[in-house]
């Protein structure tokens, strides 16, 4: 039988600083980044592929890890290929 869960004030927020939670979130983002790098289109320089990385980007106190490509032409590559978006499928 399922038990009722009552969220005590501040419980969820206390998890935001938990090292284990942050490590799991970062590891998940790194797995996505590896998949995205493996499928990235590579031009002459490989600059787009080399620019793919994980950034910690807290939102409203919550830990958020994002996979980003910050090559100058990354937005153009993404708009044509959807490489980053496919990484989470």
PDB file of N, CA and C in Angstrom:
ATOM      1  N   UNK A   1       0.848  -1.178   0.000  1.00  0.00           N
ATOM      2  CA  UNK A   1       0.000   0.000   0.000  1.00  0.00           C
ATOM      3  C   UNK A   1       0.898   1.247   0.000  1.00  0.00           C
ATOM      4  N   UNK A   2       0.535   2.215  -0.783  1.00  0.00           N
ATOM      5  CA  UNK A   2       1.315   3.445  -0.868  1.00  0.00           C
ATOM      6  C   UNK A   2       1.125   4.284   0.378  1.00  0.00           C
ATOM      7  N   UNK A   3       2.213   4.891   0.781  1.00  0.00           N
ATOM      8  CA  UNK A   3       2.148   5.787   1.933  1.00  0.00           C
ATOM      9  C   UNK A   3       1.984   7.212   1.430  1.00  0.00           C
ATOM     10  N   UNK A   4       1.340   8.005   2.227  1.00  0.00           N
ATOM     11  CA  UNK A   4       1.212   9.415   1.891  1.00  0.00           C
ATOM     12  C   UNK A   4       2.529  10.111   2.186  1.00  0.00           C
ATOM     13  N   UNK A   5       2.937  10.961   1.298  1.00  0.00           N
ATOM     14  CA  UNK A   5       4.163  11.719   1.485  1.00  0.00           C
ATOM     15  C   UNK A   5       3.786  13.164   1.764  1.00  0.00           C
ATOM     16  N   UNK A   6       4.304  13.676   2.832  1.00  0.00           N
ATOM     17  CA  UNK A   6       4.055  15.070   3.172  1.00  0.00           C
ATOM     18  C   UNK A   6       5.383  15.805   3.052  1.00  0.00           C
ATOM     19  N   UNK A   7       5.401  16.798   2.210  1.00  0.00           N
ATOM     20  CA  UNK A   7       6.610  17.590   2.012  1.00  0.00           C
ATOM     21  C   UNK A   7       6.753  18.588   3.155  1.00  0.00           C
ATOM     22  N   UNK A   8       7.733  18.342   3.989  1.00  0.00           N
ATOM     23  CA  UNK A   8       7.964  19.307   5.053  1.00  0.00           C
ATOM     24  C   UNK A   8       8.600  20.554   4.445  1.00  0.00           C
ATOM     25  N   UNK A   9       8.317  21.699   5.004  1.00  0.00           N
ATOM     26  CA  UNK A   9       8.855  22.938   4.453  1.00  0.00           C
ATOM     27  C   UNK A   9      10.379  22.880   4.331  1.00  0.00           C
ATOM     28  N   UNK A  10      10.848  23.188   3.140  1.00  0.00           N
ATOM     29  CA  UNK A  10      12.282  23.237   2.905  1.00  0.00           C
ATOM     30  C   UNK A  10      12.924  21.907   2.539  1.00  0.00           C
ATOM     31  N   UNK A  11      12.151  20.804   2.559  1.00  0.00           N
ATOM     32  CA  UNK A  11      12.747  19.499   2.269  1.00  0.00           C
ATOM     33  C   UNK A  11      13.310  19.432   0.853  1.00  0.00           C
ATOM     34  N   UNK A  12      12.494  19.761  -0.120  1.00  0.00           N
ATOM     35  CA  UNK A  12      12.943  19.700  -1.522  1.00  0.00           C
ATOM     36  C   UNK A  12      14.124  20.642  -1.734  1.00  0.00           C
ATOM     37  N   UNK A  13      14.033  21.832  -1.199  1.00  0.00           N
ATOM     38  CA  UNK A  13      15.114  22.798  -1.353  1.00  0.00           C
ATOM     39  C   UNK A  13      16.410  22.280  -0.736  1.00  0.00           C
ATOM     40  N   UNK A  14      16.301  21.488   0.342  1.00  0.00           N
ATOM     41  CA  UNK A  14      17.514  20.958   0.979  1.00  0.00           C
ATOM     42  C   UNK A  14      18.227  19.968   0.065  1.00  0.00           C
ATOM     43  N   UNK A  15      17.500  19.369  -0.861  1.00  0.00           N
ATOM     44  CA  UNK A  15      18.123  18.433  -1.792  1.00  0.00           C
ATOM     45  C   UNK A  15      18.970  19.136  -2.846  1.00  0.00           C
ATOM     46  N   UNK A  16      18.699  20.399  -3.108  1.00  0.00           N
ATOM     47  CA  UNK A  16      19.404  21.134  -4.152  1.00  0.00           C
ATOM     48  C   UNK A  16      20.908  21.177  -3.917  1.00  0.00           C
ATOM     49  N   UNK A  17      21.340  21.158  -2.673  1.00  0.00           N
ATOM     50  CA  UNK A  17      22.764  21.228  -2.354  1.00  0.00           C
ATOM     51  C   UNK A  17      23.366  19.853  -2.098  1.00  0.00           C
ATOM     52  N   UNK A  18      22.576  18.805  -2.274  1.00  0.00           N
ATOM     53  CA  UNK A  18      23.058  17.458  -2.000  1.00  0.00           C
ATOM     54  C   UNK A  18      24.119  17.060  -3.027  1.00  0.00           C
ATOM     55  N   UNK A  19      25.336  16.708  -2.567  1.00  0.00           N
ATOM     56  CA  UNK A  19      26.396  16.350  -3.506  1.00  0.00           C
ATOM     57  C   UNK A  19      26.040  15.145  -4.380  1.00  0.00           C
ATOM     58  N   UNK A  20      25.332  14.171  -3.817  1.00  0.00           N
ATOM     59  CA  UNK A  20      24.943  12.997  -4.600  1.00  0.00           C
ATOM     60  C   UNK A  20      23.996  13.348  -5.729  1.00  0.00           C
ATOM     61  N   UNK A  21      23.012  14.193  -5.444  1.00  0.00           N
ATOM     62  CA  UNK A  21      22.069  14.623  -6.472  1.00  0.00           C
ATOM     63  C   UNK A  21      22.789  15.389  -7.569  1.00  0.00           C
ATOM     64  N   UNK A  22      23.653  16.318  -7.173  1.00  0.00           N
ATOM     65  CA  UNK A  22      24.392  17.102  -8.160  1.00  0.00           C
ATOM     66  C   UNK A  22      25.291  16.212  -9.014  1.00  0.00           C
ATOM     67  N   UNK A  23      25.916  15.213  -8.405  1.00  0.00           N
ATOM     68  CA  UNK A  23      26.773  14.303  -9.157  1.00  0.00           C
ATOM     69  C   UNK A  23      25.964  13.510 -10.178  1.00  0.00           C
ATOM     70  N   UNK A  24      24.779  13.054  -9.792  1.00  0.00           N
ATOM     71  CA  UNK A  24      23.916  12.314 -10.721  1.00  0.00           C
ATOM     72  C   UNK A  24      23.435  13.193 -11.871  1.00  0.00           C
ATOM     73  N   UNK A  25      23.053  14.412 -11.556  1.00  0.00           N
ATOM     74  CA  UNK A  25      22.593  15.329 -12.609  1.00  0.00           C
ATOM     75  C   UNK A  25      23.723  15.639 -13.582  1.00  0.00           C
ATOM     76  N   UNK A  26      24.911  15.894 -13.052  1.00  0.00           N
ATOM     77  CA  UNK A  26      26.045  16.183 -13.919  1.00  0.00           C
ATOM     78  C   UNK A  26      26.414  14.962 -14.759  1.00  0.00           C
ATOM     79  N   UNK A  27      26.388  13.782 -14.158  1.00  0.00           N
ATOM     80  CA  UNK A  27      26.706  12.558 -14.905  1.00  0.00           C
ATOM     81  C   UNK A  27      25.708  12.342 -16.045  1.00  0.00           C
ATOM     82  N   UNK A  28      24.434  12.598 -15.790  1.00  0.00           N
ATOM     83  CA  UNK A  28      23.423  12.463 -16.841  1.00  0.00           C
ATOM     84  C   UNK A  28      23.699  13.439 -17.977  1.00  0.00           C
ATOM     85  N   UNK A  29      24.042  14.668 -17.629  1.00  0.00           N
ATOM     86  CA  UNK A  29      24.348  15.675 -18.652  1.00  0.00           C
ATOM     87  C   UNK A  29      25.605  15.286 -19.430  1.00  0.00           C
ATOM     88  N   UNK A  30      26.601  14.727 -18.758  1.00  0.00           N
ATOM     89  CA  UNK A  30      27.829  14.298 -19.440  1.00  0.00           C
ATOM     90  C   UNK A  30      27.542  13.154 -20.413  1.00  0.00           C
ATOM     91  N   UNK A  31      26.614  12.249 -20.060  1.00  0.00           N
ATOM     92  CA  UNK A  31      26.238  11.172 -20.984  1.00  0.00           C
ATOM     93  C   UNK A  31      25.581  11.743 -22.236  1.00  0.00           C
ATOM     94  N   UNK A  32      24.715  12.735 -22.047  1.00  0.00           N
ATOM     95  CA  UNK A  32      24.077  13.388 -23.196  1.00  0.00           C
ATOM     96  C   UNK A  32      25.131  14.090 -24.040  1.00  0.00           C
ATOM     97  N   UNK A  33      26.056  14.793 -23.394  1.00  0.00           N
ATOM     98  CA  UNK A  33      27.104  15.514 -24.124  1.00  0.00           C
ATOM     99  C   UNK A  33      27.956  14.543 -24.947  1.00  0.00           C
ATOM    100  N   UNK A  34      28.275  13.387 -24.385  1.00  0.00           N
ATOM    101  CA  UNK A  34      29.062  12.388 -25.120  1.00  0.00           C
ATOM    102  C   UNK A  34      28.302  11.900 -26.351  1.00  0.00           C
ATOM    103  N   UNK A  35      27.002  11.670 -26.193  1.00  0.00           N
ATOM    104  CA  UNK A  35      26.174  11.231 -27.320  1.00  0.00           C
ATOM    105  C   UNK A  35      26.119  12.315 -28.397  1.00  0.00           C
ATOM    106  N   UNK A  36      25.968  13.566 -27.963  1.00  0.00           N
ATOM    107  CA  UNK A  36      25.894  14.688 -28.902  1.00  0.00           C
ATOM    108  C   UNK A  36      27.223  14.853 -29.637  1.00  0.00           C
ATOM    109  N   UNK A  37      28.339  14.728 -28.922  1.00  0.00           N
ATOM    110  CA  UNK A  37      29.653  14.831 -29.573  1.00  0.00           C
ATOM    111  C   UNK A  37      29.834  13.717 -30.604  1.00  0.00           C
ATOM    112  N   UNK A  38      29.370  12.511 -30.251  1.00  0.00           N
ATOM    113  CA  UNK A  38      29.538  11.369 -31.147  1.00  0.00           C
ATOM    114  C   UNK A  38      28.753  11.523 -32.446  1.00  0.00           C
ATOM    115  N   UNK A  39      27.665  12.276 -32.412  1.00  0.00           N
ATOM    116  CA  UNK A  39      26.834  12.449 -33.608  1.00  0.00           C
ATOM    117  C   UNK A  39      26.976  13.832 -34.236  1.00  0.00           C
ATOM    118  N   UNK A  40      27.876  14.639 -33.705  1.00  0.00           N
ATOM    119  CA  UNK A  40      28.035  16.012 -34.201  1.00  0.00           C
ATOM    120  C   UNK A  40      28.622  16.018 -35.607  1.00  0.00           C
ATOM    121  N   UNK A  41      28.070  16.868 -36.458  1.00  0.00           N
ATOM    122  CA  UNK A  41      28.688  17.026 -37.774  1.00  0.00           C
ATOM    123  C   UNK A  41      30.048  17.703 -37.603  1.00  0.00           C
ATOM    124  N   UNK A  42      31.014  17.235 -38.364  1.00  0.00           N
ATOM    125  CA  UNK A  42      32.366  17.776 -38.229  1.00  0.00           C
ATOM    126  C   UNK A  42      32.775  18.399 -39.550  1.00  0.00           C
ATOM    127  N   UNK A  43      33.039  19.692 -39.501  1.00  0.00           N
ATOM    128  CA  UNK A  43      33.535  20.389 -40.690  1.00  0.00           C
ATOM    129  C   UNK A  43      35.044  20.306 -40.732  1.00  0.00           C
ATOM    130  N   UNK A  44      35.651  21.212 -41.433  1.00  0.00           N
ATOM    131  CA  UNK A  44      37.105  21.203 -41.572  1.00  0.00           C
ATOM    132  C   UNK A  44      37.826  21.394 -40.241  1.00  0.00           C
ATOM    133  N   UNK A  45      37.268  22.218 -39.373  1.00  0.00           N
ATOM    134  CA  UNK A  45      37.972  22.556 -38.127  1.00  0.00           C
ATOM    135  C   UNK A  45      37.563  21.692 -36.941  1.00  0.00           C
ATOM    136  N   UNK A  46      36.363  21.129 -36.948  1.00  0.00           N
ATOM    137  CA  UNK A  46      35.877  20.377 -35.791  1.00  0.00           C
ATOM    138  C   UNK A  46      35.509  21.278 -34.637  1.00  0.00           C
ATOM    139  N   UNK A  47      35.415  22.573 -34.893  1.00  0.00           N
ATOM    140  CA  UNK A  47      35.171  23.557 -33.833  1.00  0.00           C
ATOM    141  C   UNK A  47      33.825  23.339 -33.137  1.00  0.00           C
ATOM    142  N   UNK A  48      32.792  23.033 -33.904  1.00  0.00           N
ATOM    143  CA  UNK A  48      31.469  22.816 -33.299  1.00  0.00           C
ATOM    144  C   UNK A  48      31.526  21.648 -32.327  1.00  0.00           C
ATOM    145  N   UNK A  49      32.030  20.513 -32.788  1.00  0.00           N
ATOM    146  CA  UNK A  49      32.109  19.323 -31.942  1.00  0.00           C
ATOM    147  C   UNK A  49      32.944  19.594 -30.690  1.00  0.00           C
ATOM    148  N   UNK A  50      34.054  20.278 -30.862  1.00  0.00           N
ATOM    149  CA  UNK A  50      34.937  20.585 -29.728  1.00  0.00           C
ATOM    150  C   UNK A  50      34.308  21.548 -28.726  1.00  0.00           C
ATOM    151  N   UNK A  51      33.309  22.300 -29.167  1.00  0.00           N
ATOM    152  CA  UNK A  51      32.703  23.300 -28.276  1.00  0.00           C
ATOM    153  C   UNK A  51      31.581  22.733 -27.404  1.00  0.00           C
ATOM    154  N   UNK A  52      31.200  21.479 -27.628  1.00  0.00           N
ATOM    155  CA  UNK A  52      30.106  20.866 -26.869  1.00  0.00           C
ATOM    156  C   UNK A  52      30.604  20.506 -25.475  1.00  0.00           C
ATOM    157  N   UNK A  53      29.893  21.012 -24.462  1.00  0.00           N
ATOM    158  CA  UNK A  53      30.288  20.760 -23.074  1.00  0.00           C
ATOM    159  C   UNK A  53      29.083  20.927 -22.150  1.00  0.00           C
ATOM    160  N   UNK A  54      29.298  20.625 -20.881  1.00  0.00           N
ATOM    161  CA  UNK A  54      28.251  20.737 -19.855  1.00  0.00           C
ATOM    162  C   UNK A  54      28.534  21.971 -19.010  1.00  0.00           C
ATOM    163  N   UNK A  55      27.479  22.723 -18.738  1.00  0.00           N
ATOM    164  CA  UNK A  55      27.575  23.897 -17.855  1.00  0.00           C
ATOM    165  C   UNK A  55      26.569  23.750 -16.726  1.00  0.00           C
ATOM    166  N   UNK A  56      26.991  24.113 -15.524  1.00  0.00           N
ATOM    167  CA  UNK A  56      26.036  24.187 -14.419  1.00  0.00           C
ATOM    168  C   UNK A  56      25.387  25.556 -14.499  1.00  0.00           C
ATOM    169  N   UNK A  57      24.070  25.566 -14.529  1.00  0.00           N
ATOM    170  CA  UNK A  57      23.329  26.799 -14.739  1.00  0.00           C
ATOM    171  C   UNK A  57      22.130  26.835 -13.799  1.00  0.00           C
ATOM    172  N   UNK A  58      22.359  27.130 -12.511  1.00  0.00           N
ATOM    173  CA  UNK A  58      21.257  27.096 -11.536  1.00  0.00           C
ATOM    174  C   UNK A  58      20.097  28.003 -11.938  1.00  0.00           C
ATOM    175  N   UNK A  59      18.899  27.521 -11.702  1.00  0.00           N
ATOM    176  CA  UNK A  59      17.676  28.278 -11.994  1.00  0.00           C
ATOM    177  C   UNK A  59      16.827  28.323 -10.734  1.00  0.00           C
ATOM    178  N   UNK A  60      16.609  29.485 -10.205  1.00  0.00           N
ATOM    179  CA  UNK A  60      15.764  29.624  -9.022  1.00  0.00           C
ATOM    180  C   UNK A  60      16.264  28.807  -7.845  1.00  0.00           C
ATOM    181  N   UNK A  61      17.578  28.662  -7.733  1.00  0.00           N
ATOM    182  CA  UNK A  61      18.155  27.894  -6.644  1.00  0.00           C
ATOM    183  C   UNK A  61      18.272  26.413  -6.925  1.00  0.00           C
ATOM    184  N   UNK A  62      17.658  25.951  -8.024  1.00  0.00           N
ATOM    185  CA  UNK A  62      17.712  24.525  -8.376  1.00  0.00           C
ATOM    186  C   UNK A  62      18.966  24.244  -9.187  1.00  0.00           C
ATOM    187  N   UNK A  63      19.557  23.064  -8.986  1.00  0.00           N
ATOM    188  CA  UNK A  63      20.723  22.708  -9.799  1.00  0.00           C
ATOM    189  C   UNK A  63      20.272  22.294 -11.200  1.00  0.00           C
ATOM    190  N   UNK A  64      20.831  22.924 -12.212  1.00  0.00           N
ATOM    191  CA  UNK A  64      20.499  22.613 -13.597  1.00  0.00           C
ATOM    192  C   UNK A  64      21.812  22.461 -14.354  1.00  0.00           C
ATOM    193  N   UNK A  65      21.937  21.381 -15.094  1.00  0.00           N
ATOM    194  CA  UNK A  65      23.106  21.156 -15.938  1.00  0.00           C
ATOM    195  C   UNK A  65      22.642  21.151 -17.374  1.00  0.00           C
ATOM    196  N   UNK A  66      23.303  21.953 -18.204  1.00  0.00           N
ATOM    197  CA  UNK A  66      22.902  22.082 -19.608  1.00  0.00           C
ATOM    198  C   UNK A  66      24.036  21.612 -20.515  1.00  0.00           C
ATOM    199  N   UNK A  67      23.669  20.971 -21.591  1.00  0.00           N
ATOM    200  CA  UNK A  67      24.633  20.618 -22.622  1.00  0.00           C
ATOM    201  C   UNK A  67      24.574  21.740 -23.647  1.00  0.00           C
ATOM    202  N   UNK A  68      25.708  22.368 -23.888  1.00  0.00           N
ATOM    203  CA  UNK A  68      25.744  23.508 -24.802  1.00  0.00           C
ATOM    204  C   UNK A  68      26.870  23.342 -25.818  1.00  0.00           C
ATOM    205  N   UNK A  69      26.700  24.002 -26.928  1.00  0.00           N
ATOM    206  CA  UNK A  69      27.750  24.141 -27.933  1.00  0.00           C
ATOM    207  C   UNK A  69      27.936  25.638 -28.110  1.00  0.00           C
ATOM    208  N   UNK A  70      29.134  26.122 -27.870  1.00  0.00           N
ATOM    209  CA  UNK A  70      29.311  27.578 -27.928  1.00  0.00           C
ATOM    210  C   UNK A  70      30.270  28.047 -29.021  1.00  0.00           C
ATOM    211  N   UNK A  71      30.439  27.237 -30.047  1.00  0.00           N
ATOM    212  CA  UNK A  71      31.181  27.705 -31.212  1.00  0.00           C
ATOM    213  C   UNK A  71      30.391  28.851 -31.837  1.00  0.00           C
ATOM    214  N   UNK A  72      31.067  29.792 -32.484  1.00  0.00           N
ATOM    215  CA  UNK A  72      30.346  30.931 -33.070  1.00  0.00           C
ATOM    216  C   UNK A  72      29.217  30.527 -34.026  1.00  0.00           C
ATOM    217  N   UNK A  73      29.362  29.411 -34.693  1.00  0.00           N
ATOM    218  CA  UNK A  73      28.356  28.975 -35.659  1.00  0.00           C
ATOM    219  C   UNK A  73      27.460  27.868 -35.105  1.00  0.00           C
ATOM    220  N   UNK A  74      27.482  27.619 -33.811  1.00  0.00           N
ATOM    221  CA  UNK A  74      26.711  26.524 -33.205  1.00  0.00           C
ATOM    222  C   UNK A  74      25.205  26.668 -33.446  1.00  0.00           C
ATOM    223  N   UNK A  75      24.690  27.881 -33.372  1.00  0.00           N
ATOM    224  CA  UNK A  75      23.254  28.076 -33.567  1.00  0.00           C
ATOM    225  C   UNK A  75      22.853  27.698 -34.999  1.00  0.00           C
ATOM    226  N   UNK A  76      23.682  28.015 -35.941  1.00  0.00           N
ATOM    227  CA  UNK A  76      23.411  27.664 -37.335  1.00  0.00           C
ATOM    228  C   UNK A  76      23.440  26.142 -37.512  1.00  0.00           C
ATOM    229  N   UNK A  77      24.450  25.497 -36.939  1.00  0.00           N
ATOM    230  CA  UNK A  77      24.542  24.034 -37.040  1.00  0.00           C
ATOM    231  C   UNK A  77      23.321  23.393 -36.394  1.00  0.00           C
ATOM    232  N   UNK A  78      22.950  23.867 -35.217  1.00  0.00           N
ATOM    233  CA  UNK A  78      21.802  23.297 -34.509  1.00  0.00           C
ATOM    234  C   UNK A  78      20.512  23.505 -35.301  1.00  0.00           C
ATOM    235  N   UNK A  79      20.347  24.669 -35.894  1.00  0.00           N
ATOM    236  CA  UNK A  79      19.115  24.926 -36.644  1.00  0.00           C
ATOM    237  C   UNK A  79      19.005  24.028 -37.874  1.00  0.00           C
ATOM    238  N   UNK A  80      20.132  23.619 -38.419  1.00  0.00           N
ATOM    239  CA  UNK A  80      20.116  22.766 -39.616  1.00  0.00           C
ATOM    240  C   UNK A  80      20.100  21.275 -39.287  1.00  0.00           C
ATOM    241  N   UNK A  81      20.666  20.895 -38.130  1.00  0.00           N
ATOM    242  CA  UNK A  81      20.812  19.464 -37.845  1.00  0.00           C
ATOM    243  C   UNK A  81      20.008  18.975 -36.641  1.00  0.00           C
ATOM    244  N   UNK A  82      19.721  19.861 -35.682  1.00  0.00           N
ATOM    245  CA  UNK A  82      19.029  19.441 -34.468  1.00  0.00           C
ATOM    246  C   UNK A  82      19.869  18.507 -33.607  1.00  0.00           C
ATOM    247  N   UNK A  83      21.181  18.591 -33.727  1.00  0.00           N
ATOM    248  CA  UNK A  83      22.069  17.670 -33.036  1.00  0.00           C
ATOM    249  C   UNK A  83      21.898  17.684 -31.515  1.00  0.00           C
ATOM    250  N   UNK A  84      21.855  18.834 -30.913  1.00  0.00           N
ATOM    251  CA  UNK A  84      21.701  18.899 -29.454  1.00  0.00           C
ATOM    252  C   UNK A  84      20.333  18.357 -29.028  1.00  0.00           C
ATOM    253  N   UNK A  85      19.312  18.700 -29.762  1.00  0.00           N
ATOM    254  CA  UNK A  85      17.965  18.229 -29.422  1.00  0.00           C
ATOM    255  C   UNK A  85      17.869  16.711 -29.511  1.00  0.00           C
ATOM    256  N   UNK A  86      18.527  16.115 -30.483  1.00  0.00           N
ATOM    257  CA  UNK A  86      18.499  14.658 -30.627  1.00  0.00           C
ATOM    258  C   UNK A  86      19.244  13.964 -29.495  1.00  0.00           C
ATOM    259  N   UNK A  87      20.121  14.661 -28.837  1.00  0.00           N
ATOM    260  CA  UNK A  87      20.927  14.060 -27.786  1.00  0.00           C
ATOM    261  C   UNK A  87      20.135  13.554 -26.595  1.00  0.00           C
ATOM    262  N   UNK A  88      18.963  14.072 -26.377  1.00  0.00           N
ATOM    263  CA  UNK A  88      18.169  13.650 -25.217  1.00  0.00           C
ATOM    264  C   UNK A  88      17.136  12.590 -25.576  1.00  0.00           C
ATOM    265  N   UNK A  89      17.125  12.141 -26.791  1.00  0.00           N
ATOM    266  CA  UNK A  89      16.184  11.088 -27.196  1.00  0.00           C
ATOM    267  C   UNK A  89      16.739   9.730 -26.903  1.00  0.00           C
TER     268      UNK A  89
END
